[in-house]
Amino acid sequence: MSALTIGKVAAQTGVKVPTIRYYEEVGLLPAPGRNRGNQRVYEVSAVKRLSFIAHARELGFGLEQIKELLNLADDPGQSCVQANEIAFVHLKDIESRMKRLRSLKKELLNIVHMCSANGTIKDCRVIETLADHGKCLTPRHE
């Protein structure tokens, strides 16, 4: 099992064929070799690399972060400090987004509760609040 078609790689990793091609285009996955029929053929190492990419994407890492992590993974003898820093920065970004989402949820709950949903659009508090930011609980949703 040294050479796999793109379909088999997709099936093993759960990554769709167009996404595999995209990862090749952006340099996350090395271009595979080709067989006599000019089909892409992948080594097992590409499956492992693609699984790494897919897992990192599931955790929300961006493509540039993944590229950095892959470069680190390609040199396993070095310190893991940089990998930890990348993960820590990503964690802080997630925490910031969660804080913002909690604020947005609070604002939307307020808007929904203010609306009786019994009248017409001209009296709708959802529409009214969206049209006038001053009617929100907080002046900026950051």
N, C-alpha and C. Protein backbone atom coordinates (compact mmCIF):
# COMPACT_ATOMS: atom_id res chain seq x y z
N MET A 1 0.83 -1.19 0.00
CA MET A 1 0.00 0.00 0.00
C MET A 1 0.88 1.25 0.00
N SER A 2 1.76 1.37 -0.98
CA SER A 2 2.66 2.51 -0.98
C SER A 2 2.12 3.68 -1.81
N ALA A 3 1.29 3.41 -2.79
CA ALA A 3 0.76 4.51 -3.61
C ALA A 3 -0.77 4.44 -3.64
N LEU A 4 -1.39 5.58 -3.36
CA LEU A 4 -2.84 5.64 -3.28
C LEU A 4 -3.38 6.68 -4.25
N THR A 5 -4.56 6.44 -4.77
CA THR A 5 -5.21 7.44 -5.62
C THR A 5 -5.80 8.54 -4.73
N ILE A 6 -6.13 9.65 -5.35
CA ILE A 6 -6.70 10.76 -4.60
C ILE A 6 -8.04 10.36 -3.96
N GLY A 7 -8.79 9.50 -4.64
CA GLY A 7 -10.06 9.03 -4.08
C GLY A 7 -9.87 8.22 -2.81
N LYS A 8 -8.85 7.36 -2.82
CA LYS A 8 -8.56 6.55 -1.64
C LYS A 8 -8.05 7.42 -0.49
N VAL A 9 -7.25 8.42 -0.81
CA VAL A 9 -6.76 9.35 0.22
C VAL A 9 -7.93 10.11 0.82
N ALA A 10 -8.83 10.54 -0.04
CA ALA A 10 -10.02 11.26 0.43
C ALA A 10 -10.85 10.38 1.35
N ALA A 11 -11.03 9.13 0.97
CA ALA A 11 -11.83 8.20 1.78
C ALA A 11 -11.16 7.93 3.12
N GLN A 12 -9.85 7.80 3.14
CA GLN A 12 -9.13 7.49 4.39
C GLN A 12 -9.10 8.68 5.35
N THR A 13 -9.07 9.89 4.80
CA THR A 13 -8.90 11.07 5.65
C THR A 13 -10.19 11.84 5.89
N GLY A 14 -11.21 11.59 5.07
CA GLY A 14 -12.46 12.35 5.18
C GLY A 14 -12.36 13.74 4.57
N VAL A 15 -11.30 13.99 3.83
CA VAL A 15 -11.10 15.27 3.16
C VAL A 15 -11.52 15.12 1.70
N LYS A 16 -12.34 16.04 1.24
CA LYS A 16 -12.85 15.96 -0.12
C LYS A 16 -11.75 16.20 -1.15
N VAL A 17 -11.91 15.59 -2.31
CA VAL A 17 -10.92 15.69 -3.38
C VAL A 17 -10.58 17.14 -3.74
N PRO A 18 -11.57 18.04 -3.95
CA PRO A 18 -11.20 19.42 -4.28
C PRO A 18 -10.38 20.09 -3.17
N THR A 19 -10.65 19.72 -1.93
CA THR A 19 -9.91 20.29 -0.80
C THR A 19 -8.47 19.78 -0.81
N ILE A 20 -8.28 18.52 -1.14
CA ILE A 20 -6.92 17.96 -1.26
C ILE A 20 -6.16 18.72 -2.33
N ARG A 21 -6.79 18.94 -3.46
CA ARG A 21 -6.13 19.69 -4.55
C ARG A 21 -5.81 21.12 -4.10
N TYR A 22 -6.73 21.72 -3.35
CA TYR A 22 -6.50 23.08 -2.84
C TYR A 22 -5.29 23.10 -1.90
N TYR A 23 -5.20 22.13 -1.00
CA TYR A 23 -4.06 22.08 -0.09
C TYR A 23 -2.75 21.90 -0.85
N GLU A 24 -2.80 21.21 -1.96
CA GLU A 24 -1.61 21.10 -2.81
C GLU A 24 -1.28 22.47 -3.41
N GLU A 25 -2.30 23.17 -3.90
CA GLU A 25 -2.10 24.49 -4.51
C GLU A 25 -1.46 25.48 -3.55
N VAL A 26 -1.92 25.49 -2.30
CA VAL A 26 -1.42 26.47 -1.33
C VAL A 26 -0.16 26.00 -0.60
N GLY A 27 0.33 24.84 -0.95
CA GLY A 27 1.61 24.38 -0.41
C GLY A 27 1.56 23.65 0.92
N LEU A 28 0.37 23.27 1.37
CA LEU A 28 0.29 22.49 2.62
C LEU A 28 0.60 21.02 2.38
N LEU A 29 0.28 20.57 1.21
CA LEU A 29 0.49 19.18 0.84
C LEU A 29 1.37 19.16 -0.41
N PRO A 30 2.49 18.43 -0.38
CA PRO A 30 3.35 18.40 -1.56
C PRO A 30 2.62 17.79 -2.76
N ALA A 31 2.96 18.26 -3.93
CA ALA A 31 2.37 17.71 -5.15
C ALA A 31 2.74 16.23 -5.24
N PRO A 32 1.76 15.40 -5.51
CA PRO A 32 2.04 13.96 -5.58
C PRO A 32 2.69 13.58 -6.91
N GLY A 33 3.21 12.37 -6.90
CA GLY A 33 3.70 11.84 -8.15
C GLY A 33 2.54 11.45 -9.05
N ARG A 34 2.85 11.02 -10.24
CA ARG A 34 1.82 10.60 -11.19
C ARG A 34 2.13 9.20 -11.70
N ASN A 35 1.07 8.44 -11.96
CA ASN A 35 1.28 7.11 -12.53
C ASN A 35 1.29 7.21 -14.05
N ARG A 36 1.35 6.07 -14.72
CA ARG A 36 1.41 6.06 -16.19
C ARG A 36 0.17 6.67 -16.83
N GLY A 37 -0.95 6.58 -16.13
CA GLY A 37 -2.19 7.15 -16.63
C GLY A 37 -2.34 8.62 -16.24
N ASN A 38 -1.29 9.21 -15.71
CA ASN A 38 -1.24 10.61 -15.28
C ASN A 38 -2.15 10.91 -14.09
N GLN A 39 -2.54 9.85 -13.35
CA GLN A 39 -3.32 10.05 -12.12
C GLN A 39 -2.37 10.39 -10.98
N ARG A 40 -2.87 11.24 -10.07
CA ARG A 40 -2.10 11.53 -8.86
C ARG A 40 -1.96 10.23 -8.05
N VAL A 41 -0.78 10.00 -7.51
CA VAL A 41 -0.56 8.87 -6.61
C VAL A 41 0.14 9.39 -5.36
N TYR A 42 -0.42 9.03 -4.22
CA TYR A 42 0.03 9.54 -2.94
C TYR A 42 0.70 8.45 -2.13
N GLU A 43 1.70 8.84 -1.38
CA GLU A 43 2.37 7.94 -0.45
C GLU A 43 1.62 8.00 0.89
N VAL A 44 1.87 7.04 1.74
CA VAL A 44 1.25 7.00 3.07
C VAL A 44 1.59 8.27 3.85
N SER A 45 2.77 8.81 3.65
CA SER A 45 3.17 10.04 4.36
C SER A 45 2.23 11.20 4.02
N ALA A 46 1.72 11.23 2.81
CA ALA A 46 0.77 12.29 2.42
C ALA A 46 -0.54 12.12 3.17
N VAL A 47 -0.96 10.88 3.40
CA VAL A 47 -2.19 10.61 4.16
C VAL A 47 -2.01 11.11 5.59
N LYS A 48 -0.87 10.84 6.18
CA LYS A 48 -0.59 11.31 7.55
C LYS A 48 -0.58 12.83 7.60
N ARG A 49 0.04 13.45 6.62
CA ARG A 49 0.11 14.92 6.58
C ARG A 49 -1.29 15.51 6.39
N LEU A 50 -2.07 14.91 5.53
CA LEU A 50 -3.42 15.39 5.29
C LEU A 50 -4.30 15.19 6.54
N SER A 51 -4.10 14.12 7.25
CA SER A 51 -4.84 13.90 8.50
C SER A 51 -4.47 14.97 9.52
N PHE A 52 -3.20 15.33 9.58
CA PHE A 52 -2.73 16.41 10.46
C PHE A 52 -3.43 17.71 10.08
N ILE A 53 -3.45 18.04 8.80
CA ILE A 53 -4.09 19.27 8.32
C ILE A 53 -5.57 19.26 8.67
N ALA A 54 -6.24 18.15 8.41
CA ALA A 54 -7.68 18.06 8.68
C ALA A 54 -7.97 18.24 10.17
N HIS A 55 -7.16 17.64 11.02
CA HIS A 55 -7.38 17.77 12.46
C HIS A 55 -7.13 19.21 12.90
N ALA A 56 -6.08 19.82 12.39
CA ALA A 56 -5.79 21.22 12.73
C ALA A 56 -6.92 22.14 12.28
N ARG A 57 -7.49 21.87 11.12
CA ARG A 57 -8.62 22.67 10.63
C ARG A 57 -9.84 22.48 11.55
N GLU A 58 -10.09 21.24 11.99
CA GLU A 58 -11.20 20.98 12.91
C GLU A 58 -11.04 21.78 14.19
N LEU A 59 -9.80 22.00 14.61
CA LEU A 59 -9.52 22.77 15.82
C LEU A 59 -9.50 24.28 15.55
N GLY A 60 -9.74 24.64 14.30
CA GLY A 60 -9.87 26.05 13.95
C GLY A 60 -8.59 26.76 13.57
N PHE A 61 -7.49 26.06 13.44
CA PHE A 61 -6.26 26.71 13.03
C PHE A 61 -6.39 27.22 11.60
N GLY A 62 -5.81 28.37 11.35
CA GLY A 62 -5.79 28.94 10.01
C GLY A 62 -4.72 28.29 9.16
N LEU A 63 -4.81 28.50 7.86
CA LEU A 63 -3.86 27.86 6.94
C LEU A 63 -2.42 28.28 7.20
N GLU A 64 -2.20 29.55 7.52
CA GLU A 64 -0.82 29.99 7.82
C GLU A 64 -0.29 29.33 9.09
N GLN A 65 -1.14 29.21 10.09
CA GLN A 65 -0.73 28.54 11.32
C GLN A 65 -0.40 27.08 11.04
N ILE A 66 -1.22 26.45 10.23
CA ILE A 66 -0.98 25.04 9.88
C ILE A 66 0.32 24.90 9.11
N LYS A 67 0.57 25.84 8.21
CA LYS A 67 1.82 25.81 7.44
C LYS A 67 3.02 25.88 8.39
N GLU A 68 2.94 26.77 9.38
CA GLU A 68 4.02 26.89 10.37
C GLU A 68 4.17 25.61 11.17
N LEU A 69 3.05 25.04 11.61
CA LEU A 69 3.09 23.81 12.39
C LEU A 69 3.65 22.65 11.57
N LEU A 70 3.29 22.58 10.30
CA LEU A 70 3.82 21.53 9.44
C LEU A 70 5.33 21.68 9.26
N ASN A 71 5.78 22.93 9.10
CA ASN A 71 7.22 23.17 8.97
C ASN A 71 7.94 22.71 10.23
N LEU A 72 7.33 22.95 11.38
CA LEU A 72 7.93 22.48 12.63
C LEU A 72 7.91 20.96 12.69
N ALA A 73 6.81 20.36 12.29
CA ALA A 73 6.69 18.90 12.31
C ALA A 73 7.70 18.23 11.38
N ASP A 74 8.08 18.94 10.32
CA ASP A 74 9.06 18.40 9.37
C ASP A 74 10.48 18.35 9.94
N ASP A 75 10.69 19.01 11.08
CA ASP A 75 12.00 19.01 11.74
C ASP A 75 11.79 18.60 13.20
N PRO A 76 11.55 17.31 13.45
CA PRO A 76 11.14 16.84 14.78
C PRO A 76 12.18 16.97 15.89
N GLY A 77 13.41 17.30 15.56
CA GLY A 77 14.43 17.40 16.59
C GLY A 77 14.48 18.75 17.29
N GLN A 78 13.74 19.71 16.81
CA GLN A 78 13.80 21.05 17.41
C GLN A 78 12.86 21.17 18.61
N SER A 79 13.03 22.26 19.34
CA SER A 79 12.20 22.54 20.51
C SER A 79 10.74 22.74 20.08
N CYS A 80 9.82 22.41 20.98
CA CYS A 80 8.40 22.58 20.67
C CYS A 80 7.86 23.92 21.14
N VAL A 81 8.74 24.83 21.57
CA VAL A 81 8.31 26.13 22.08
C VAL A 81 7.47 26.87 21.05
N GLN A 82 7.92 26.90 19.81
CA GLN A 82 7.20 27.64 18.78
C GLN A 82 5.81 27.03 18.51
N ALA A 83 5.72 25.72 18.50
CA ALA A 83 4.42 25.06 18.30
C ALA A 83 3.47 25.42 19.44
N ASN A 84 4.00 25.44 20.67
CA ASN A 84 3.19 25.80 21.82
C ASN A 84 2.72 27.25 21.70
N GLU A 85 3.59 28.14 21.24
CA GLU A 85 3.23 29.55 21.07
C GLU A 85 2.11 29.71 20.04
N ILE A 86 2.19 28.99 18.95
CA ILE A 86 1.15 29.05 17.91
C ILE A 86 -0.18 28.60 18.49
N ALA A 87 -0.16 27.49 19.24
CA ALA A 87 -1.39 26.97 19.85
C ALA A 87 -1.92 27.95 20.90
N PHE A 88 -1.04 28.57 21.67
CA PHE A 88 -1.46 29.51 22.70
C PHE A 88 -2.11 30.75 22.08
N VAL A 89 -1.52 31.28 21.02
CA VAL A 89 -2.10 32.43 20.33
C VAL A 89 -3.47 32.07 19.77
N HIS A 90 -3.59 30.88 19.24
CA HIS A 90 -4.88 30.41 18.70
C HIS A 90 -5.91 30.30 19.82
N LEU A 91 -5.49 29.78 20.96
CA LEU A 91 -6.38 29.65 22.12
C LEU A 91 -6.88 31.03 22.56
N LYS A 92 -5.99 32.00 22.62
CA LYS A 92 -6.37 33.37 23.01
C LYS A 92 -7.36 33.96 22.00
N ASP A 93 -7.17 33.67 20.73
CA ASP A 93 -8.09 34.14 19.70
C ASP A 93 -9.47 33.52 19.88
N ILE A 94 -9.51 32.24 20.19
CA ILE A 94 -10.78 31.55 20.43
C ILE A 94 -11.48 32.15 21.65
N GLU A 95 -10.73 32.39 22.71
CA GLU A 95 -11.32 32.99 23.91
C GLU A 95 -11.91 34.36 23.60
N SER A 96 -11.22 35.15 22.80
CA SER A 96 -11.70 36.47 22.40
C SER A 96 -12.98 36.37 21.58
N ARG A 97 -12.99 35.43 20.64
CA ARG A 97 -14.20 35.23 19.82
C ARG A 97 -15.37 34.75 20.67
N MET A 98 -15.09 33.89 21.65
CA MET A 98 -16.16 33.40 22.52
C MET A 98 -16.75 34.55 23.35
N LYS A 99 -15.88 35.42 23.82
CA LYS A 99 -16.36 36.59 24.58
C LYS A 99 -17.26 37.45 23.70
N ARG A 100 -16.82 37.67 22.46
CA ARG A 100 -17.63 38.46 21.53
C ARG A 100 -18.95 37.77 21.23
N LEU A 101 -18.92 36.47 21.05
CA LEU A 101 -20.16 35.72 20.78
C LEU A 101 -21.13 35.78 21.96
N ARG A 102 -20.59 35.72 23.17
CA ARG A 102 -21.47 35.85 24.35
C ARG A 102 -22.13 37.22 24.37
N SER A 103 -21.37 38.25 24.01
CA SER A 103 -21.92 39.60 23.95
C SER A 103 -22.99 39.71 22.86
N LEU A 104 -22.73 39.11 21.72
CA LEU A 104 -23.72 39.12 20.63
C LEU A 104 -24.98 38.36 21.03
N LYS A 105 -24.80 37.25 21.72
CA LYS A 105 -25.95 36.47 22.18
C LYS A 105 -26.80 37.29 23.13
N LYS A 106 -26.16 37.97 24.06
CA LYS A 106 -26.88 38.81 25.01
C LYS A 106 -27.67 39.90 24.27
N GLU A 107 -27.04 40.52 23.30
CA GLU A 107 -27.70 41.57 22.53
C GLU A 107 -28.89 41.02 21.75
N LEU A 108 -28.70 39.90 21.10
CA LEU A 108 -29.80 39.30 20.33
C LEU A 108 -30.94 38.84 21.22
N LEU A 109 -30.62 38.29 22.38
CA LEU A 109 -31.68 37.91 23.33
C LEU A 109 -32.49 39.14 23.73
N ASN A 110 -31.81 40.23 23.98
CA ASN A 110 -32.49 41.47 24.34
C ASN A 110 -33.41 41.94 23.20
N ILE A 111 -32.90 41.91 21.99
CA ILE A 111 -33.70 42.34 20.83
C ILE A 111 -34.93 41.46 20.67
N VAL A 112 -34.74 40.15 20.76
CA VAL A 112 -35.85 39.21 20.58
C VAL A 112 -36.88 39.40 21.69
N HIS A 113 -36.44 39.60 22.92
CA HIS A 113 -37.38 39.77 24.03
C HIS A 113 -38.13 41.10 23.94
N MET A 114 -37.52 42.10 23.32
CA MET A 114 -38.20 43.39 23.17
C MET A 114 -39.31 43.33 22.11
N CYS A 115 -39.20 42.38 21.22
CA CYS A 115 -40.17 42.29 20.13
C CYS A 115 -41.33 41.39 20.55
N SER A 116 -42.50 41.88 20.36
CA SER A 116 -43.67 41.09 20.73
C SER A 116 -44.02 40.05 19.67
N ALA A 117 -43.54 40.25 18.45
CA ALA A 117 -43.82 39.36 17.32
C ALA A 117 -45.32 39.29 17.01
N ASN A 118 -46.09 40.24 17.51
CA ASN A 118 -47.54 40.25 17.25
C ASN A 118 -47.95 41.32 16.25
N GLY A 119 -47.08 42.31 16.08
CA GLY A 119 -47.46 43.45 15.24
C GLY A 119 -47.00 43.29 13.81
N THR A 120 -46.79 44.42 13.19
CA THR A 120 -46.32 44.45 11.80
C THR A 120 -44.86 44.89 11.79
N ILE A 121 -44.24 44.79 10.65
CA ILE A 121 -42.84 45.16 10.51
C ILE A 121 -42.61 46.61 10.92
N LYS A 122 -43.56 47.49 10.63
CA LYS A 122 -43.35 48.91 10.98
C LYS A 122 -43.20 49.11 12.48
N ASP A 123 -43.69 48.18 13.29
CA ASP A 123 -43.57 48.26 14.74
C ASP A 123 -42.60 47.22 15.33
N CYS A 124 -41.88 46.57 14.48
CA CYS A 124 -41.01 45.46 14.91
C CYS A 124 -39.74 45.99 15.58
N ARG A 125 -39.50 45.57 16.82
CA ARG A 125 -38.32 46.01 17.57
C ARG A 125 -37.02 45.42 17.00
N VAL A 126 -37.10 44.25 16.39
CA VAL A 126 -35.90 43.67 15.77
C VAL A 126 -35.43 44.59 14.65
N ILE A 127 -36.35 44.92 13.74
CA ILE A 127 -36.01 45.79 12.61
C ILE A 127 -35.58 47.16 13.12
N GLU A 128 -36.30 47.69 14.08
CA GLU A 128 -36.01 49.01 14.63
C GLU A 128 -34.62 49.07 15.25
N THR A 129 -34.27 48.06 16.02
CA THR A 129 -32.98 48.03 16.69
C THR A 129 -31.84 47.84 15.69
N LEU A 130 -32.07 47.00 14.71
CA LEU A 130 -31.03 46.81 13.69
C LEU A 130 -30.80 48.08 12.88
N ALA A 131 -31.83 48.88 12.72
CA ALA A 131 -31.71 50.13 11.97
C ALA A 131 -31.07 51.24 12.79
N ASP A 132 -31.10 51.13 14.12
CA ASP A 132 -30.58 52.19 14.99
C ASP A 132 -29.69 51.57 16.06
N HIS A 133 -28.40 51.60 15.83
CA HIS A 133 -27.43 50.98 16.74
C HIS A 133 -27.53 51.56 18.16
N GLY A 134 -28.02 52.79 18.26
CA GLY A 134 -28.17 53.43 19.56
C GLY A 134 -29.17 52.73 20.47
N LYS A 135 -30.01 51.88 19.93
CA LYS A 135 -31.00 51.17 20.73
C LYS A 135 -30.47 49.85 21.29
N CYS A 136 -29.21 49.56 21.00
CA CYS A 136 -28.60 48.33 21.50
C CYS A 136 -28.14 48.51 22.94
N LEU A 137 -27.90 47.41 23.61
CA LEU A 137 -27.38 47.44 24.97
C LEU A 137 -25.98 48.03 25.02
N THR A 138 -25.18 47.67 24.03
CA THR A 138 -23.80 48.18 23.94
C THR A 138 -23.61 48.89 22.61
N PRO A 139 -22.87 49.99 22.62
CA PRO A 139 -22.73 50.77 21.40
C PRO A 139 -21.92 50.07 20.29
N ARG A 140 -21.00 49.20 20.66
CA ARG A 140 -20.20 48.49 19.66
C ARG A 140 -20.23 47.01 19.99
N HIS A 141 -20.34 46.18 18.97
CA HIS A 141 -20.36 44.72 19.17
C HIS A 141 -18.99 44.15 18.78
N GLU A 142 -18.03 44.37 19.62
CA GLU A 142 -16.68 43.90 19.32
C GLU A 142 -16.26 42.80 20.24
